[in-house]
Amino acid sequence: VTLAACWGGDAFIMPGRYVVGLAESFCRAGAQSVLASLWKARATTADVFTAEFYARLAEHPRDVALQLVQLELLRAKCDIREWSGWQLFGEPGPLLS
């Protein structure tokens, strides 16, 4: 699952350490993993970021695909606030075919 909404990866910890958030809800509902931003992201940046992430999934596990996109944007000197908030929740491995 990809949540391309601002703060889609944000969560709250309730009493008893119960985590409440969209990403956590998707994982509890059976999603293997969720890619989401922890803070506001511009739509144009989110489009580029997710397209690059999905392009790398063909050859890399999810966690490595995320890392590669973030490293590419770091090397390109893109504003760190635009891409560093993207997080992967759940399974880090390759997508099942």
N, C-alpha and C. Protein backbone atom coordinates (compact mmCIF):
# COMPACT_ATOMS: atom_id res chain seq x y z
N VAL A 1 0.86 -1.17 0.00
CA VAL A 1 0.00 0.00 0.00
C VAL A 1 0.91 1.23 0.00
N THR A 2 0.53 2.23 -0.77
CA THR A 2 1.22 3.52 -0.74
C THR A 2 0.22 4.58 -0.32
N LEU A 3 0.55 5.31 0.72
CA LEU A 3 -0.28 6.42 1.19
C LEU A 3 0.38 7.71 0.72
N ALA A 4 -0.19 8.32 -0.30
CA ALA A 4 0.39 9.54 -0.86
C ALA A 4 -0.26 10.78 -0.26
N ALA A 5 -0.81 10.65 0.93
CA ALA A 5 -1.40 11.78 1.63
C ALA A 5 -0.40 12.31 2.66
N CYS A 6 -0.48 13.60 2.93
CA CYS A 6 0.39 14.18 3.95
C CYS A 6 0.14 13.52 5.29
N TRP A 7 1.19 13.24 5.99
CA TRP A 7 1.16 12.64 7.32
C TRP A 7 0.51 11.26 7.33
N GLY A 8 0.52 10.56 6.20
CA GLY A 8 -0.06 9.23 6.12
C GLY A 8 0.63 8.22 7.01
N GLY A 9 1.90 8.46 7.32
CA GLY A 9 2.65 7.55 8.16
C GLY A 9 2.66 7.94 9.63
N ASP A 10 2.00 9.04 9.95
CA ASP A 10 1.96 9.50 11.33
C ASP A 10 1.12 8.55 12.17
N ALA A 11 1.44 8.44 13.43
CA ALA A 11 0.70 7.55 14.32
C ALA A 11 0.70 8.12 15.73
N PHE A 12 -0.21 7.63 16.51
CA PHE A 12 -0.31 8.00 17.91
C PHE A 12 -0.20 6.75 18.76
N ILE A 13 0.42 6.87 19.91
CA ILE A 13 0.52 5.74 20.83
C ILE A 13 -0.46 5.98 21.96
N MET A 14 -1.40 5.07 22.06
CA MET A 14 -2.45 5.16 23.07
C MET A 14 -2.00 4.43 24.34
N PRO A 15 -2.72 4.62 25.43
CA PRO A 15 -2.39 3.88 26.65
C PRO A 15 -2.31 2.38 26.37
N GLY A 16 -1.38 1.72 27.00
CA GLY A 16 -1.16 0.30 26.76
C GLY A 16 -0.28 0.06 25.54
N ARG A 17 0.34 1.14 25.03
CA ARG A 17 1.23 1.09 23.87
C ARG A 17 0.52 0.61 22.60
N TYR A 18 -0.74 0.91 22.48
CA TYR A 18 -1.51 0.56 21.28
C TYR A 18 -1.28 1.66 20.26
N VAL A 19 -0.79 1.31 19.06
CA VAL A 19 -0.47 2.27 18.02
C VAL A 19 -1.69 2.46 17.12
N VAL A 20 -2.04 3.73 16.89
CA VAL A 20 -3.18 4.06 16.04
C VAL A 20 -2.67 4.95 14.91
N GLY A 21 -2.87 4.52 13.68
CA GLY A 21 -2.48 5.29 12.51
C GLY A 21 -2.88 4.56 11.26
N LEU A 22 -2.87 5.25 10.12
CA LEU A 22 -3.26 4.62 8.86
C LEU A 22 -2.35 3.47 8.47
N ALA A 23 -1.04 3.69 8.54
CA ALA A 23 -0.10 2.64 8.14
C ALA A 23 -0.28 1.40 9.03
N GLU A 24 -0.40 1.62 10.32
CA GLU A 24 -0.61 0.51 11.24
C GLU A 24 -1.92 -0.21 10.96
N SER A 25 -2.95 0.54 10.63
CA SER A 25 -4.25 -0.06 10.32
C SER A 25 -4.18 -0.94 9.08
N PHE A 26 -3.48 -0.47 8.05
CA PHE A 26 -3.33 -1.29 6.85
C PHE A 26 -2.54 -2.56 7.13
N CYS A 27 -1.49 -2.45 7.93
CA CYS A 27 -0.70 -3.64 8.28
C CYS A 27 -1.53 -4.63 9.08
N ARG A 28 -2.31 -4.15 10.02
CA ARG A 28 -3.17 -5.04 10.81
C ARG A 28 -4.26 -5.68 9.96
N ALA A 29 -4.64 -4.99 8.87
CA ALA A 29 -5.69 -5.52 7.99
C ALA A 29 -5.13 -6.50 6.96
N GLY A 30 -3.80 -6.69 6.95
CA GLY A 30 -3.22 -7.68 6.07
C GLY A 30 -2.25 -7.19 5.02
N ALA A 31 -2.05 -5.89 4.92
CA ALA A 31 -1.07 -5.37 3.96
C ALA A 31 0.32 -5.83 4.39
N GLN A 32 1.11 -6.29 3.44
CA GLN A 32 2.47 -6.72 3.75
C GLN A 32 3.33 -5.54 4.16
N SER A 33 3.15 -4.42 3.47
CA SER A 33 3.93 -3.24 3.81
C SER A 33 3.17 -2.00 3.36
N VAL A 34 3.58 -0.86 3.93
CA VAL A 34 2.97 0.42 3.62
C VAL A 34 4.09 1.44 3.45
N LEU A 35 4.06 2.18 2.34
CA LEU A 35 4.97 3.29 2.12
C LEU A 35 4.18 4.56 2.38
N ALA A 36 4.66 5.40 3.29
CA ALA A 36 3.92 6.60 3.67
C ALA A 36 4.88 7.68 4.15
N SER A 37 4.42 8.92 4.05
CA SER A 37 5.22 10.05 4.50
C SER A 37 4.84 10.44 5.92
N LEU A 38 5.83 10.77 6.72
CA LEU A 38 5.60 11.18 8.10
C LEU A 38 5.14 12.63 8.21
N TRP A 39 5.34 13.41 7.16
CA TRP A 39 4.93 14.80 7.18
C TRP A 39 4.47 15.23 5.80
N LYS A 40 4.12 16.51 5.68
CA LYS A 40 3.58 17.05 4.44
C LYS A 40 4.59 16.88 3.31
N ALA A 41 4.08 16.42 2.18
CA ALA A 41 4.92 16.25 0.98
C ALA A 41 4.20 16.87 -0.20
N ARG A 42 4.93 17.57 -1.04
CA ARG A 42 4.32 18.16 -2.23
C ARG A 42 3.87 17.05 -3.17
N ALA A 43 2.78 17.28 -3.86
CA ALA A 43 2.24 16.28 -4.78
C ALA A 43 3.25 15.95 -5.89
N THR A 44 3.94 16.94 -6.40
CA THR A 44 4.91 16.68 -7.47
C THR A 44 6.06 15.82 -6.97
N THR A 45 6.53 16.09 -5.78
CA THR A 45 7.61 15.29 -5.20
C THR A 45 7.13 13.88 -4.89
N ALA A 46 5.93 13.76 -4.35
CA ALA A 46 5.38 12.44 -4.04
C ALA A 46 5.23 11.61 -5.31
N ASP A 47 4.81 12.23 -6.40
CA ASP A 47 4.67 11.52 -7.68
C ASP A 47 6.01 10.97 -8.16
N VAL A 48 7.02 11.80 -8.14
CA VAL A 48 8.36 11.38 -8.57
C VAL A 48 8.91 10.32 -7.63
N PHE A 49 8.77 10.56 -6.33
CA PHE A 49 9.31 9.63 -5.34
C PHE A 49 8.69 8.25 -5.50
N THR A 50 7.38 8.17 -5.55
CA THR A 50 6.72 6.87 -5.64
C THR A 50 6.98 6.19 -6.97
N ALA A 51 7.05 6.95 -8.06
CA ALA A 51 7.36 6.36 -9.36
C ALA A 51 8.76 5.73 -9.35
N GLU A 52 9.72 6.44 -8.77
CA GLU A 52 11.08 5.91 -8.69
C GLU A 52 11.14 4.69 -7.76
N PHE A 53 10.40 4.73 -6.67
CA PHE A 53 10.34 3.61 -5.74
C PHE A 53 9.80 2.36 -6.46
N TYR A 54 8.68 2.50 -7.12
CA TYR A 54 8.07 1.35 -7.80
C TYR A 54 8.93 0.85 -8.96
N ALA A 55 9.67 1.73 -9.63
CA ALA A 55 10.57 1.30 -10.70
C ALA A 55 11.67 0.39 -10.16
N ARG A 56 12.13 0.66 -8.95
CA ARG A 56 13.20 -0.13 -8.36
C ARG A 56 12.71 -1.46 -7.75
N LEU A 57 11.42 -1.56 -7.51
CA LEU A 57 10.88 -2.79 -6.94
C LEU A 57 11.03 -4.00 -7.85
N ALA A 58 11.20 -3.77 -9.14
CA ALA A 58 11.36 -4.89 -10.07
C ALA A 58 12.63 -5.67 -9.79
N GLU A 59 13.65 -5.01 -9.25
CA GLU A 59 14.94 -5.66 -9.06
C GLU A 59 15.42 -5.69 -7.61
N HIS A 60 14.72 -4.99 -6.71
CA HIS A 60 15.20 -4.86 -5.34
C HIS A 60 14.08 -5.11 -4.33
N PRO A 61 14.43 -5.55 -3.12
CA PRO A 61 13.44 -5.62 -2.04
C PRO A 61 12.93 -4.21 -1.71
N ARG A 62 11.82 -4.16 -1.02
CA ARG A 62 11.19 -2.88 -0.70
C ARG A 62 12.10 -1.93 0.07
N ASP A 63 12.80 -2.43 1.08
CA ASP A 63 13.65 -1.55 1.88
C ASP A 63 14.81 -0.99 1.06
N VAL A 64 15.38 -1.82 0.19
CA VAL A 64 16.49 -1.37 -0.65
C VAL A 64 15.99 -0.37 -1.69
N ALA A 65 14.80 -0.61 -2.26
CA ALA A 65 14.22 0.32 -3.23
C ALA A 65 14.05 1.70 -2.60
N LEU A 66 13.55 1.73 -1.38
CA LEU A 66 13.38 3.00 -0.66
C LEU A 66 14.74 3.67 -0.44
N GLN A 67 15.70 2.90 0.01
CA GLN A 67 17.04 3.44 0.26
C GLN A 67 17.66 4.01 -1.02
N LEU A 68 17.51 3.31 -2.13
CA LEU A 68 18.10 3.77 -3.39
C LEU A 68 17.50 5.09 -3.85
N VAL A 69 16.19 5.22 -3.72
CA VAL A 69 15.53 6.47 -4.11
C VAL A 69 16.00 7.61 -3.20
N GLN A 70 16.06 7.36 -1.90
CA GLN A 70 16.50 8.40 -0.99
C GLN A 70 17.95 8.81 -1.25
N LEU A 71 18.81 7.84 -1.53
CA LEU A 71 20.20 8.17 -1.84
C LEU A 71 20.33 8.96 -3.14
N GLU A 72 19.52 8.61 -4.13
CA GLU A 72 19.54 9.34 -5.40
C GLU A 72 19.14 10.80 -5.18
N LEU A 73 18.10 11.03 -4.39
CA LEU A 73 17.65 12.39 -4.14
C LEU A 73 18.65 13.15 -3.27
N LEU A 74 19.32 12.47 -2.36
CA LEU A 74 20.36 13.09 -1.55
C LEU A 74 21.52 13.55 -2.45
N ARG A 75 21.95 12.67 -3.34
CA ARG A 75 23.05 13.01 -4.26
C ARG A 75 22.66 14.14 -5.21
N ALA A 76 21.38 14.20 -5.56
CA ALA A 76 20.90 15.26 -6.46
C ALA A 76 20.67 16.57 -5.72
N LYS A 77 20.96 16.58 -4.41
CA LYS A 77 20.81 17.76 -3.56
C LYS A 77 19.38 18.29 -3.53
N CYS A 78 18.43 17.38 -3.61
CA CYS A 78 17.02 17.75 -3.45
C CYS A 78 16.77 18.12 -1.99
N ASP A 79 15.84 18.99 -1.77
CA ASP A 79 15.51 19.42 -0.41
C ASP A 79 15.18 18.20 0.45
N ILE A 80 15.93 18.01 1.51
CA ILE A 80 15.79 16.83 2.36
C ILE A 80 14.39 16.71 2.96
N ARG A 81 13.72 17.83 3.17
CA ARG A 81 12.36 17.80 3.74
C ARG A 81 11.36 17.19 2.77
N GLU A 82 11.70 17.15 1.49
CA GLU A 82 10.79 16.64 0.48
C GLU A 82 10.79 15.11 0.38
N TRP A 83 11.86 14.46 0.79
CA TRP A 83 11.95 13.01 0.58
C TRP A 83 12.31 12.20 1.82
N SER A 84 12.85 12.82 2.84
CA SER A 84 13.33 12.02 3.98
C SER A 84 12.22 11.53 4.89
N GLY A 85 11.02 12.05 4.77
CA GLY A 85 9.92 11.62 5.61
C GLY A 85 9.26 10.33 5.15
N TRP A 86 9.61 9.85 3.97
CA TRP A 86 9.00 8.62 3.46
C TRP A 86 9.56 7.42 4.22
N GLN A 87 8.65 6.62 4.76
CA GLN A 87 9.02 5.46 5.56
C GLN A 87 8.31 4.21 5.06
N LEU A 88 8.93 3.08 5.28
CA LEU A 88 8.34 1.80 4.93
C LEU A 88 7.95 1.10 6.22
N PHE A 89 6.70 0.74 6.32
CA PHE A 89 6.19 0.01 7.49
C PHE A 89 5.90 -1.42 7.07
N GLY A 90 6.20 -2.38 7.91
CA GLY A 90 5.89 -3.77 7.62
C GLY A 90 7.07 -4.53 7.04
N GLU A 91 6.78 -5.41 6.10
CA GLU A 91 7.78 -6.30 5.52
C GLU A 91 8.77 -5.55 4.63
N PRO A 92 10.08 -5.76 4.82
CA PRO A 92 11.08 -5.07 4.02
C PRO A 92 11.48 -5.82 2.75
N GLY A 93 11.14 -7.08 2.62
CA GLY A 93 11.65 -7.92 1.55
C GLY A 93 11.05 -7.67 0.18
N PRO A 94 11.36 -8.57 -0.76
CA PRO A 94 10.85 -8.41 -2.13
C PRO A 94 9.34 -8.64 -2.19
N LEU A 95 8.73 -8.03 -3.22
CA LEU A 95 7.31 -8.29 -3.45
C LEU A 95 7.14 -9.71 -3.92
N LEU A 96 6.07 -10.32 -3.50
CA LEU A 96 5.79 -11.70 -3.94
C LEU A 96 5.25 -11.66 -5.36
N SER A 97 5.69 -12.59 -6.16
CA SER A 97 5.22 -12.62 -7.56
C SER A 97 4.09 -13.60 -7.76
